[in-house]
PDB file of N, CA and C in Angstrom:
ATOM      1  N   MET A   1      -9.454  12.031   1.646  1.00  0.00           N
ATOM      2  CA  MET A   1      -9.067  10.744   2.205  1.00  0.00           C
ATOM      3  C   MET A   1      -7.600  10.788   2.605  1.00  0.00           C
ATOM      4  N   PRO A   2      -7.279  10.214   3.728  1.00  0.00           N
ATOM      5  CA  PRO A   2      -5.883  10.202   4.162  1.00  0.00           C
ATOM      6  C   PRO A   2      -5.024   9.266   3.295  1.00  0.00           C
ATOM      7  N   MET A   3      -3.777   9.622   3.154  1.00  0.00           N
ATOM      8  CA  MET A   3      -2.832   8.805   2.405  1.00  0.00           C
ATOM      9  C   MET A   3      -2.109   7.868   3.360  1.00  0.00           C
ATOM     10  N   HIS A   4      -1.846   6.651   2.890  1.00  0.00           N
ATOM     11  CA  HIS A   4      -1.128   5.658   3.681  1.00  0.00           C
ATOM     12  C   HIS A   4      -0.014   5.044   2.847  1.00  0.00           C
ATOM     13  N   LEU A   5       1.016   4.608   3.541  1.00  0.00           N
ATOM     14  CA  LEU A   5       2.123   3.881   2.943  1.00  0.00           C
ATOM     15  C   LEU A   5       2.082   2.465   3.505  1.00  0.00           C
ATOM     16  N   PHE A   6       2.132   1.476   2.632  1.00  0.00           N
ATOM     17  CA  PHE A   6       2.141   0.068   3.030  1.00  0.00           C
ATOM     18  C   PHE A   6       3.438  -0.547   2.536  1.00  0.00           C
ATOM     19  N   SER A   7       4.078  -1.300   3.398  1.00  0.00           N
ATOM     20  CA  SER A   7       5.296  -2.003   3.036  1.00  0.00           C
ATOM     21  C   SER A   7       5.221  -3.402   3.630  1.00  0.00           C
ATOM     22  N   TYR A   8       5.691  -4.384   2.877  1.00  0.00           N
ATOM     23  CA  TYR A   8       5.659  -5.745   3.420  1.00  0.00           C
ATOM     24  C   TYR A   8       6.978  -6.458   3.191  1.00  0.00           C
ATOM     25  N   ASP A   9       7.242  -7.394   4.092  1.00  0.00           N
ATOM     26  CA  ASP A   9       8.386  -8.290   3.996  1.00  0.00           C
ATOM     27  C   ASP A   9       7.827  -9.682   4.254  1.00  0.00           C
ATOM     28  N   ILE A  10       7.548 -10.403   3.182  1.00  0.00           N
ATOM     29  CA  ILE A  10       6.847 -11.687   3.249  1.00  0.00           C
ATOM     30  C   ILE A  10       7.684 -12.750   2.551  1.00  0.00           C
ATOM     31  N   GLU A  11       7.892 -13.869   3.205  1.00  0.00           N
ATOM     32  CA  GLU A  11       8.723 -14.947   2.667  1.00  0.00           C
ATOM     33  C   GLU A  11       8.054 -15.704   1.520  1.00  0.00           C
ATOM     34  N   SER A  12       6.800 -16.061   1.672  1.00  0.00           N
ATOM     35  CA  SER A  12       6.086 -16.890   0.701  1.00  0.00           C
ATOM     36  C   SER A  12       5.726 -16.097  -0.557  1.00  0.00           C
ATOM     37  N   ASP A  13       6.135 -16.607  -1.720  1.00  0.00           N
ATOM     38  CA  ASP A  13       5.801 -15.949  -2.985  1.00  0.00           C
ATOM     39  C   ASP A  13       4.288 -15.830  -3.156  1.00  0.00           C
ATOM     40  N   ALA A  14       3.568 -16.918  -2.882  1.00  0.00           N
ATOM     41  CA  ALA A  14       2.113 -16.924  -3.060  1.00  0.00           C
ATOM     42  C   ALA A  14       1.443 -15.904  -2.150  1.00  0.00           C
ATOM     43  N   LEU A  15       1.900 -15.810  -0.929  1.00  0.00           N
ATOM     44  CA  LEU A  15       1.330 -14.853   0.023  1.00  0.00           C
ATOM     45  C   LEU A  15       1.659 -13.412  -0.386  1.00  0.00           C
ATOM     46  N   ARG A  16       2.877 -13.199  -0.875  1.00  0.00           N
ATOM     47  CA  ARG A  16       3.267 -11.865  -1.362  1.00  0.00           C
ATOM     48  C   ARG A  16       2.351 -11.419  -2.501  1.00  0.00           C
ATOM     49  N   VAL A  17       2.070 -12.327  -3.424  1.00  0.00           N
ATOM     50  CA  VAL A  17       1.194 -12.003  -4.554  1.00  0.00           C
ATOM     51  C   VAL A  17      -0.210 -11.673  -4.054  1.00  0.00           C
ATOM     52  N   LYS A  18      -0.708 -12.455  -3.100  1.00  0.00           N
ATOM     53  CA  LYS A  18      -2.039 -12.202  -2.529  1.00  0.00           C
ATOM     54  C   LYS A  18      -2.113 -10.826  -1.882  1.00  0.00           C
ATOM     55  N   ILE A  19      -1.106 -10.490  -1.111  1.00  0.00           N
ATOM     56  CA  ILE A  19      -1.089  -9.195  -0.428  1.00  0.00           C
ATOM     57  C   ILE A  19      -1.006  -8.055  -1.445  1.00  0.00           C
ATOM     58  N   ALA A  20      -0.159  -8.195  -2.451  1.00  0.00           N
ATOM     59  CA  ALA A  20      -0.050  -7.167  -3.483  1.00  0.00           C
ATOM     60  C   ALA A  20      -1.389  -6.961  -4.181  1.00  0.00           C
ATOM     61  N   LYS A  21      -2.088  -8.052  -4.491  1.00  0.00           N
ATOM     62  CA  LYS A  21      -3.396  -7.945  -5.146  1.00  0.00           C
ATOM     63  C   LYS A  21      -4.410  -7.241  -4.240  1.00  0.00           C
ATOM     64  N   LEU A  22      -4.391  -7.541  -2.950  1.00  0.00           N
ATOM     65  CA  LEU A  22      -5.300  -6.871  -2.018  1.00  0.00           C
ATOM     66  C   LEU A  22      -5.031  -5.367  -1.984  1.00  0.00           C
ATOM     67  N   LEU A  23      -3.769  -4.993  -1.974  1.00  0.00           N
ATOM     68  CA  LEU A  23      -3.418  -3.577  -1.918  1.00  0.00           C
ATOM     69  C   LEU A  23      -3.832  -2.857  -3.205  1.00  0.00           C
ATOM     70  N   ILE A  24      -3.642  -3.498  -4.331  1.00  0.00           N
ATOM     71  CA  ILE A  24      -4.056  -2.911  -5.611  1.00  0.00           C
ATOM     72  C   ILE A  24      -5.571  -2.803  -5.678  1.00  0.00           C
ATOM     73  N   GLN A  25      -6.280  -3.847  -5.233  1.00  0.00           N
ATOM     74  CA  GLN A  25      -7.748  -3.817  -5.220  1.00  0.00           C
ATOM     75  C   GLN A  25      -8.273  -2.708  -4.315  1.00  0.00           C
ATOM     76  N   ALA A  26      -7.528  -2.362  -3.298  1.00  0.00           N
ATOM     77  CA  ALA A  26      -7.925  -1.285  -2.378  1.00  0.00           C
ATOM     78  C   ALA A  26      -7.646   0.092  -2.979  1.00  0.00           C
ATOM     79  N   GLY A  27      -7.071   0.129  -4.178  1.00  0.00           N
ATOM     80  CA  GLY A  27      -6.822   1.395  -4.846  1.00  0.00           C
ATOM     81  C   GLY A  27      -5.463   1.999  -4.570  1.00  0.00           C
ATOM     82  N   LEU A  28      -4.558   1.204  -4.003  1.00  0.00           N
ATOM     83  CA  LEU A  28      -3.216   1.695  -3.711  1.00  0.00           C
ATOM     84  C   LEU A  28      -2.314   1.487  -4.925  1.00  0.00           C
ATOM     85  N   TYR A  29      -1.246   2.238  -4.987  1.00  0.00           N
ATOM     86  CA  TYR A  29      -0.319   2.191  -6.115  1.00  0.00           C
ATOM     87  C   TYR A  29       1.010   1.616  -5.664  1.00  0.00           C
ATOM     88  N   ARG A  30       1.576   0.754  -6.488  1.00  0.00           N
ATOM     89  CA  ARG A  30       2.902   0.210  -6.186  1.00  0.00           C
ATOM     90  C   ARG A  30       3.928   1.278  -6.530  1.00  0.00           C
ATOM     91  N   ILE A  31       4.721   1.680  -5.533  1.00  0.00           N
ATOM     92  CA  ILE A  31       5.764   2.670  -5.798  1.00  0.00           C
ATOM     93  C   ILE A  31       7.149   2.031  -5.785  1.00  0.00           C
ATOM     94  N   GLN A  32       7.277   0.891  -5.138  1.00  0.00           N
ATOM     95  CA  GLN A  32       8.466   0.051  -5.215  1.00  0.00           C
ATOM     96  C   GLN A  32       7.963  -1.382  -5.110  1.00  0.00           C
ATOM     97  N   TYR A  33       8.841  -2.355  -5.280  1.00  0.00           N
ATOM     98  CA  TYR A  33       8.369  -3.736  -5.367  1.00  0.00           C
ATOM     99  C   TYR A  33       7.466  -4.126  -4.199  1.00  0.00           C
ATOM    100  N   SER A  34       7.843  -3.834  -2.989  1.00  0.00           N
ATOM    101  CA  SER A  34       7.038  -4.232  -1.831  1.00  0.00           C
ATOM    102  C   SER A  34       6.504  -3.025  -1.061  1.00  0.00           C
ATOM    103  N   VAL A  35       6.346  -1.899  -1.757  1.00  0.00           N
ATOM    104  CA  VAL A  35       5.859  -0.678  -1.126  1.00  0.00           C
ATOM    105  C   VAL A  35       4.712  -0.113  -1.957  1.00  0.00           C
ATOM    106  N   PHE A  36       3.600   0.151  -1.283  1.00  0.00           N
ATOM    107  CA  PHE A  36       2.416   0.705  -1.926  1.00  0.00           C
ATOM    108  C   PHE A  36       2.017   1.975  -1.201  1.00  0.00           C
ATOM    109  N   MET A  37       1.332   2.857  -1.932  1.00  0.00           N
ATOM    110  CA  MET A  37       0.956   4.134  -1.346  1.00  0.00           C
ATOM    111  C   MET A  37      -0.315   4.626  -2.023  1.00  0.00           C
ATOM    112  N   GLY A  38      -1.127   5.343  -1.280  1.00  0.00           N
ATOM    113  CA  GLY A  38      -2.301   5.954  -1.871  1.00  0.00           C
ATOM    114  C   GLY A  38      -3.285   6.393  -0.815  1.00  0.00           C
ATOM    115  N   SER A  39      -4.330   7.060  -1.282  1.00  0.00           N
ATOM    116  CA  SER A  39      -5.399   7.510  -0.398  1.00  0.00           C
ATOM    117  C   SER A  39      -6.412   6.382  -0.247  1.00  0.00           C
ATOM    118  N   ILE A  40      -6.876   6.195   0.970  1.00  0.00           N
ATOM    119  CA  ILE A  40      -7.822   5.124   1.242  1.00  0.00           C
ATOM    120  C   ILE A  40      -8.775   5.603   2.341  1.00  0.00           C
ATOM    121  N   SER A  41     -10.053   5.361   2.133  1.00  0.00           N
ATOM    122  CA  SER A  41     -11.058   5.787   3.113  1.00  0.00           C
ATOM    123  C   SER A  41     -10.965   4.920   4.366  1.00  0.00           C
ATOM    124  N   ALA A  42     -11.495   5.416   5.452  1.00  0.00           N
ATOM    125  CA  ALA A  42     -11.472   4.669   6.718  1.00  0.00           C
ATOM    126  C   ALA A  42     -12.180   3.316   6.594  1.00  0.00           C
ATOM    127  N   PRO A  43     -13.376   3.244   5.974  1.00  0.00           N
ATOM    128  CA  PRO A  43     -14.022   1.931   5.837  1.00  0.00           C
ATOM    129  C   PRO A  43     -13.213   0.957   4.972  1.00  0.00           C
ATOM    130  N   ALA A  44     -12.630   1.467   3.882  1.00  0.00           N
ATOM    131  CA  ALA A  44     -11.819   0.601   3.015  1.00  0.00           C
ATOM    132  C   ALA A  44     -10.556   0.140   3.744  1.00  0.00           C
ATOM    133  N   LEU A  45      -9.963   1.013   4.544  1.00  0.00           N
ATOM    134  CA  LEU A  45      -8.782   0.645   5.325  1.00  0.00           C
ATOM    135  C   LEU A  45      -9.135  -0.436   6.348  1.00  0.00           C
ATOM    136  N   ALA A  46     -10.271  -0.296   6.993  1.00  0.00           N
ATOM    137  CA  ALA A  46     -10.707  -1.306   7.971  1.00  0.00           C
ATOM    138  C   ALA A  46     -10.907  -2.660   7.296  1.00  0.00           C
ATOM    139  N   ARG A  47     -11.530  -2.669   6.110  1.00  0.00           N
ATOM    140  CA  ARG A  47     -11.734  -3.938   5.376  1.00  0.00           C
ATOM    141  C   ARG A  47     -10.391  -4.552   4.983  1.00  0.00           C
ATOM    142  N   LEU A  48      -9.473  -3.705   4.516  1.00  0.00           N
ATOM    143  CA  LEU A  48      -8.159  -4.197   4.111  1.00  0.00           C
ATOM    144  C   LEU A  48      -7.403  -4.777   5.296  1.00  0.00           C
ATOM    145  N   LYS A  49      -7.433  -4.092   6.435  1.00  0.00           N
ATOM    146  CA  LYS A  49      -6.754  -4.601   7.630  1.00  0.00           C
ATOM    147  C   LYS A  49      -7.344  -5.939   8.065  1.00  0.00           C
ATOM    148  N   LYS A  50      -8.645  -6.082   7.947  1.00  0.00           N
ATOM    149  CA  LYS A  50      -9.300  -7.348   8.314  1.00  0.00           C
ATOM    150  C   LYS A  50      -8.810  -8.481   7.413  1.00  0.00           C
ATOM    151  N   LYS A  51      -8.738  -8.218   6.112  1.00  0.00           N
ATOM    152  CA  LYS A  51      -8.252  -9.244   5.176  1.00  0.00           C
ATOM    153  C   LYS A  51      -6.789  -9.586   5.441  1.00  0.00           C
ATOM    154  N   LEU A  52      -5.973  -8.579   5.727  1.00  0.00           N
ATOM    155  CA  LEU A  52      -4.568  -8.833   6.033  1.00  0.00           C
ATOM    156  C   LEU A  52      -4.416  -9.627   7.327  1.00  0.00           C
ATOM    157  N   SER A  53      -5.251  -9.344   8.309  1.00  0.00           N
ATOM    158  CA  SER A  53      -5.217 -10.087   9.581  1.00  0.00           C
ATOM    159  C   SER A  53      -5.579 -11.548   9.363  1.00  0.00           C
ATOM    160  N   GLN A  54      -6.520 -11.800   8.468  1.00  0.00           N
ATOM    161  CA  GLN A  54      -6.890 -13.182   8.155  1.00  0.00           C
ATOM    162  C   GLN A  54      -5.707 -13.918   7.524  1.00  0.00           C
ATOM    163  N   LEU A  55      -4.985 -13.237   6.645  1.00  0.00           N
ATOM    164  CA  LEU A  55      -3.795 -13.850   6.037  1.00  0.00           C
ATOM    165  C   LEU A  55      -2.726 -14.113   7.092  1.00  0.00           C
ATOM    166  N   GLU A  56      -2.603 -13.203   8.047  1.00  0.00           N
ATOM    167  CA  GLU A  56      -1.604 -13.346   9.109  1.00  0.00           C
ATOM    168  C   GLU A  56      -1.850 -14.617   9.934  1.00  0.00           C
ATOM    169  N   ARG A  57      -3.090 -14.978  10.063  1.00  0.00           N
ATOM    170  CA  ARG A  57      -3.420 -16.190  10.835  1.00  0.00           C
ATOM    171  C   ARG A  57      -3.321 -17.464  10.001  1.00  0.00           C
ATOM    172  N   GLY A  58      -3.027 -17.332   8.709  1.00  0.00           N
ATOM    173  CA  GLY A  58      -2.947 -18.487   7.811  1.00  0.00           C
ATOM    174  C   GLY A  58      -1.644 -19.243   7.943  1.00  0.00           C
ATOM    175  N   GLU A  59      -1.619 -20.410   7.355  1.00  0.00           N
ATOM    176  CA  GLU A  59      -0.450 -21.290   7.477  1.00  0.00           C
ATOM    177  C   GLU A  59       0.760 -20.814   6.665  1.00  0.00           C
ATOM    178  N   ARG A  60       0.540 -19.975   5.666  1.00  0.00           N
ATOM    179  CA  ARG A  60       1.667 -19.489   4.862  1.00  0.00           C
ATOM    180  C   ARG A  60       2.443 -18.366   5.532  1.00  0.00           C
ATOM    181  N   TRP A  61       1.856 -17.748   6.544  1.00  0.00           N
ATOM    182  CA  TRP A  61       2.488 -16.615   7.224  1.00  0.00           C
ATOM    183  C   TRP A  61       3.610 -17.130   8.110  1.00  0.00           C
ATOM    184  N   ALA A  62       4.844 -16.697   7.849  1.00  0.00           N
ATOM    185  CA  ALA A  62       6.001 -17.113   8.651  1.00  0.00           C
ATOM    186  C   ALA A  62       6.140 -16.189   9.860  1.00  0.00           C
ATOM    187  N   ALA A  63       6.820 -16.666  10.862  1.00  0.00           N
ATOM    188  CA  ALA A  63       6.976 -15.917  12.115  1.00  0.00           C
ATOM    189  C   ALA A  63       7.627 -14.545  11.907  1.00  0.00           C
ATOM    190  N   HIS A  64       8.488 -14.403  10.926  1.00  0.00           N
ATOM    191  CA  HIS A  64       9.192 -13.140  10.701  1.00  0.00           C
ATOM    192  C   HIS A  64       8.554 -12.270   9.606  1.00  0.00           C
ATOM    193  N   ASP A  65       7.431 -12.700   9.038  1.00  0.00           N
ATOM    194  CA  ASP A  65       6.728 -11.902   8.027  1.00  0.00           C
ATOM    195  C   ASP A  65       6.109 -10.663   8.663  1.00  0.00           C
ATOM    196  N   SER A  66       5.987  -9.592   7.865  1.00  0.00           N
ATOM    197  CA  SER A  66       5.373  -8.380   8.413  1.00  0.00           C
ATOM    198  C   SER A  66       4.791  -7.504   7.304  1.00  0.00           C
ATOM    199  N   VAL A  67       3.778  -6.741   7.689  1.00  0.00           N
ATOM    200  CA  VAL A  67       3.204  -5.697   6.847  1.00  0.00           C
ATOM    201  C   VAL A  67       3.199  -4.434   7.700  1.00  0.00           C
ATOM    202  N   MET A  68       3.756  -3.358   7.169  1.00  0.00           N
ATOM    203  CA  MET A  68       3.759  -2.086   7.875  1.00  0.00           C
ATOM    204  C   MET A  68       2.729  -1.167   7.219  1.00  0.00           C
ATOM    205  N   ILE A  69       1.904  -0.529   8.035  1.00  0.00           N
ATOM    206  CA  ILE A  69       0.906   0.420   7.564  1.00  0.00           C
ATOM    207  C   ILE A  69       1.214   1.755   8.233  1.00  0.00           C
ATOM    208  N   LEU A  70       1.545   2.741   7.424  1.00  0.00           N
ATOM    209  CA  LEU A  70       1.953   4.029   7.953  1.00  0.00           C
ATOM    210  C   LEU A  70       1.050   5.132   7.405  1.00  0.00           C
ATOM    211  N   PRO A  71       0.242   5.768   8.263  1.00  0.00           N
ATOM    212  CA  PRO A  71      -0.549   6.900   7.784  1.00  0.00           C
ATOM    213  C   PRO A  71       0.372   8.093   7.518  1.00  0.00           C
ATOM    214  N   LEU A  72       0.137   8.756   6.409  1.00  0.00           N
ATOM    215  CA  LEU A  72       0.944   9.923   6.057  1.00  0.00           C
ATOM    216  C   LEU A  72       0.073  11.162   6.187  1.00  0.00           C
ATOM    217  N   HIS A  73       0.454  12.046   7.045  1.00  0.00           N
ATOM    218  CA  HIS A  73      -0.270  13.292   7.225  1.00  0.00           C
ATOM    219  C   HIS A  73       0.277  14.308   6.235  1.00  0.00           C
ATOM    220  N   GLN A  74      -0.454  15.369   6.008  1.00  0.00           N
ATOM    221  CA  GLN A  74      -0.055  16.356   5.001  1.00  0.00           C
ATOM    222  C   GLN A  74       1.375  16.847   5.204  1.00  0.00           C
ATOM    223  N   TYR A  75       1.774  17.091   6.451  1.00  0.00           N
ATOM    224  CA  TYR A  75       3.141  17.568   6.667  1.00  0.00           C
ATOM    225  C   TYR A  75       4.160  16.505   6.282  1.00  0.00           C
ATOM    226  N   SER A  76       3.804  15.216   6.422  1.00  0.00           N
ATOM    227  CA  SER A  76       4.704  14.143   5.992  1.00  0.00           C
ATOM    228  C   SER A  76       4.817  14.130   4.481  1.00  0.00           C
ATOM    229  N   GLU A  77       3.667  14.245   3.798  1.00  0.00           N
ATOM    230  CA  GLU A  77       3.651  14.226   2.338  1.00  0.00           C
ATOM    231  C   GLU A  77       4.499  15.359   1.766  1.00  0.00           C
ATOM    232  N   ASP A  78       4.467  16.513   2.423  1.00  0.00           N
ATOM    233  CA  ASP A  78       5.205  17.676   1.927  1.00  0.00           C
ATOM    234  C   ASP A  78       6.723  17.468   1.975  1.00  0.00           C
ATOM    235  N   TYR A  79       7.191  16.534   2.795  1.00  0.00           N
ATOM    236  CA  TYR A  79       8.624  16.342   2.975  1.00  0.00           C
ATOM    237  C   TYR A  79       9.151  15.027   2.404  1.00  0.00           C
ATOM    238  N   ILE A  80       8.338  14.322   1.617  1.00  0.00           N
ATOM    239  CA  ILE A  80       8.812  13.086   0.994  1.00  0.00           C
ATOM    240  C   ILE A  80       9.890  13.438  -0.020  1.00  0.00           C
ATOM    241  N   GLU A  81      10.981  12.715   0.031  1.00  0.00           N
ATOM    242  CA  GLU A  81      12.087  12.923  -0.908  1.00  0.00           C
ATOM    243  C   GLU A  81      12.392  11.619  -1.624  1.00  0.00           C
ATOM    244  N   PHE A  82      12.793  11.724  -2.860  1.00  0.00           N
ATOM    245  CA  PHE A  82      13.238  10.563  -3.636  1.00  0.00           C
ATOM    246  C   PHE A  82      14.633  10.841  -4.152  1.00  0.00           C
ATOM    247  N   LEU A  83      15.470   9.853  -4.142  1.00  0.00           N
ATOM    248  CA  LEU A  83      16.740   9.886  -4.850  1.00  0.00           C
ATOM    249  C   LEU A  83      16.518   9.036  -6.084  1.00  0.00           C
ATOM    250  N   GLY A  84      16.855   9.543  -7.230  1.00  0.00           N
ATOM    251  CA  GLY A  84      16.566   8.820  -8.458  1.00  0.00           C
ATOM    252  C   GLY A  84      15.167   9.164  -8.950  1.00  0.00           C
ATOM    253  N   ALA A  85      14.573   8.248  -9.652  1.00  0.00           N
ATOM    254  CA  ALA A  85      13.296   8.495 -10.326  1.00  0.00           C
ATOM    255  C   ALA A  85      12.115   8.476  -9.361  1.00  0.00           C
ATOM    256  N   PHE A  86      11.176   9.372  -9.609  1.00  0.00           N
ATOM    257  CA  PHE A  86       9.892   9.332  -8.914  1.00  0.00           C
ATOM    258  C   PHE A  86       9.096   8.154  -9.452  1.00  0.00           C
ATOM    259  N   PRO A  87       8.169   7.607  -8.679  1.00  0.00           N
ATOM    260  CA  PRO A  87       7.295   6.566  -9.231  1.00  0.00           C
ATOM    261  C   PRO A  87       6.566   7.107 -10.461  1.00  0.00           C
ATOM    262  N   ASP A  88       6.327   6.254 -11.441  1.00  0.00           N
ATOM    263  CA  ASP A  88       5.723   6.661 -12.703  1.00  0.00           C
ATOM    264  C   ASP A  88       4.427   7.455 -12.535  1.00  0.00           C
ATOM    265  N   ARG A  89       3.598   7.066 -11.603  1.00  0.00           N
ATOM    266  CA  ARG A  89       2.270   7.672 -11.469  1.00  0.00           C
ATOM    267  C   ARG A  89       2.194   8.596 -10.256  1.00  0.00           C
ATOM    268  N   TRP A  90       3.275   9.279  -9.931  1.00  0.00           N
ATOM    269  CA  TRP A  90       3.346  10.087  -8.712  1.00  0.00           C
ATOM    270  C   TRP A  90       2.212  11.110  -8.589  1.00  0.00           C
ATOM    271  N   PRO A  91       1.886  11.883  -9.621  1.00  0.00           N
ATOM    272  CA  PRO A  91       0.780  12.844  -9.475  1.00  0.00           C
ATOM    273  C   PRO A  91      -0.553  12.155  -9.172  1.00  0.00           C
ATOM    274  N   GLU A  92      -0.748  10.987  -9.749  1.00  0.00           N
ATOM    275  CA  GLU A  92      -1.970  10.222  -9.479  1.00  0.00           C
ATOM    276  C   GLU A  92      -1.973   9.677  -8.044  1.00  0.00           C
ATOM    277  N   ILE A  93      -0.839   9.178  -7.606  1.00  0.00           N
ATOM    278  CA  ILE A  93      -0.705   8.611  -6.270  1.00  0.00           C
ATOM    279  C   ILE A  93      -0.990   9.664  -5.198  1.00  0.00           C
ATOM    280  N   THR A  94      -0.466  10.851  -5.392  1.00  0.00           N
ATOM    281  CA  THR A  94      -0.623  11.915  -4.408  1.00  0.00           C
ATOM    282  C   THR A  94      -1.942  12.661  -4.540  1.00  0.00           C
ATOM    283  N   GLY A  95      -2.734  12.297  -5.550  1.00  0.00           N
ATOM    284  CA  GLY A  95      -4.042  12.936  -5.733  1.00  0.00           C
ATOM    285  C   GLY A  95      -3.960  14.296  -6.394  1.00  0.00           C
ATOM    286  N   LYS A  96      -2.815  14.616  -6.981  1.00  0.00           N
ATOM    287  CA  LYS A  96      -2.664  15.911  -7.631  1.00  0.00           C
ATOM    288  C   LYS A  96      -3.194  15.887  -9.072  1.00  0.00           C
ATOM    289  N   ILE A  97      -3.500  14.706  -9.569  1.00  0.00           N
ATOM    290  CA  ILE A  97      -4.098  14.577 -10.893  1.00  0.00           C
ATOM    291  C   ILE A  97      -5.117  13.449 -10.825  1.00  0.00           C
ATOM    292  N   HIS A  98      -6.211  13.648 -11.487  1.00  0.00           N
ATOM    293  CA  HIS A  98      -7.262  12.636 -11.534  1.00  0.00           C
ATOM    294  C   HIS A  98      -7.513  12.314 -12.996  1.00  0.00           C
ATOM    295  N   THR A  99      -7.554  11.055 -13.337  1.00  0.00           N
ATOM    296  CA  THR A  99      -7.706  10.651 -14.722  1.00  0.00           C
ATOM    297  C   THR A  99      -8.919   9.751 -14.846  1.00  0.00           C
ATOM    298  N   LEU A 100      -9.721  10.011 -15.844  1.00  0.00           N
ATOM    299  CA  LEU A 100     -10.860   9.166 -16.165  1.00  0.00           C
ATOM    300  C   LEU A 100     -10.622   8.589 -17.537  1.00  0.00           C
ATOM    301  N   ILE A 101     -10.558   7.272 -17.606  1.00  0.00           N
ATOM    302  CA  ILE A 101     -10.348   6.587 -18.887  1.00  0.00           C
ATOM    303  C   ILE A 101     -11.602   5.802 -19.192  1.00  0.00           C
ATOM    304  N   LEU A 102     -12.165   6.062 -20.335  1.00  0.00           N
ATOM    305  CA  LEU A 102     -13.383   5.355 -20.750  1.00  0.00           C
ATOM    306  C   LEU A 102     -13.086   4.366 -21.834  1.00  0.00           C
TER     307      LEU A 102
END
C-alpha cells in the first residue's frame, strides 16, 4: 500500500477533532499535532477523501482552511529527515514493524 502524508490547517476546534478522528480511523498515525502519515489502500483513500470533501462543504469550514494530501513514493520515504526526535511509532508508521496485540 502506498504511504501518504496528511497535514491540515483548520480554524474550528470541533472540525479539527473530526478530521483527526477520520485520519486515525483510516489507519494513519499522528506524527505531529496536525500531521498524519501511513499506508492507505486506494479504496480507503477514496472513502477518506469523500468524507473530507463533505466536511469541506460544511458550515464549519472557513475559507482559509485546508487539508494537504501528499503521496509519498519509495524514493521520498528514503530521504525523509527529522531534526530532533523521530515519531514514537516510526517503525510501525513506515511498515517496517508489524505488531499484533491480543
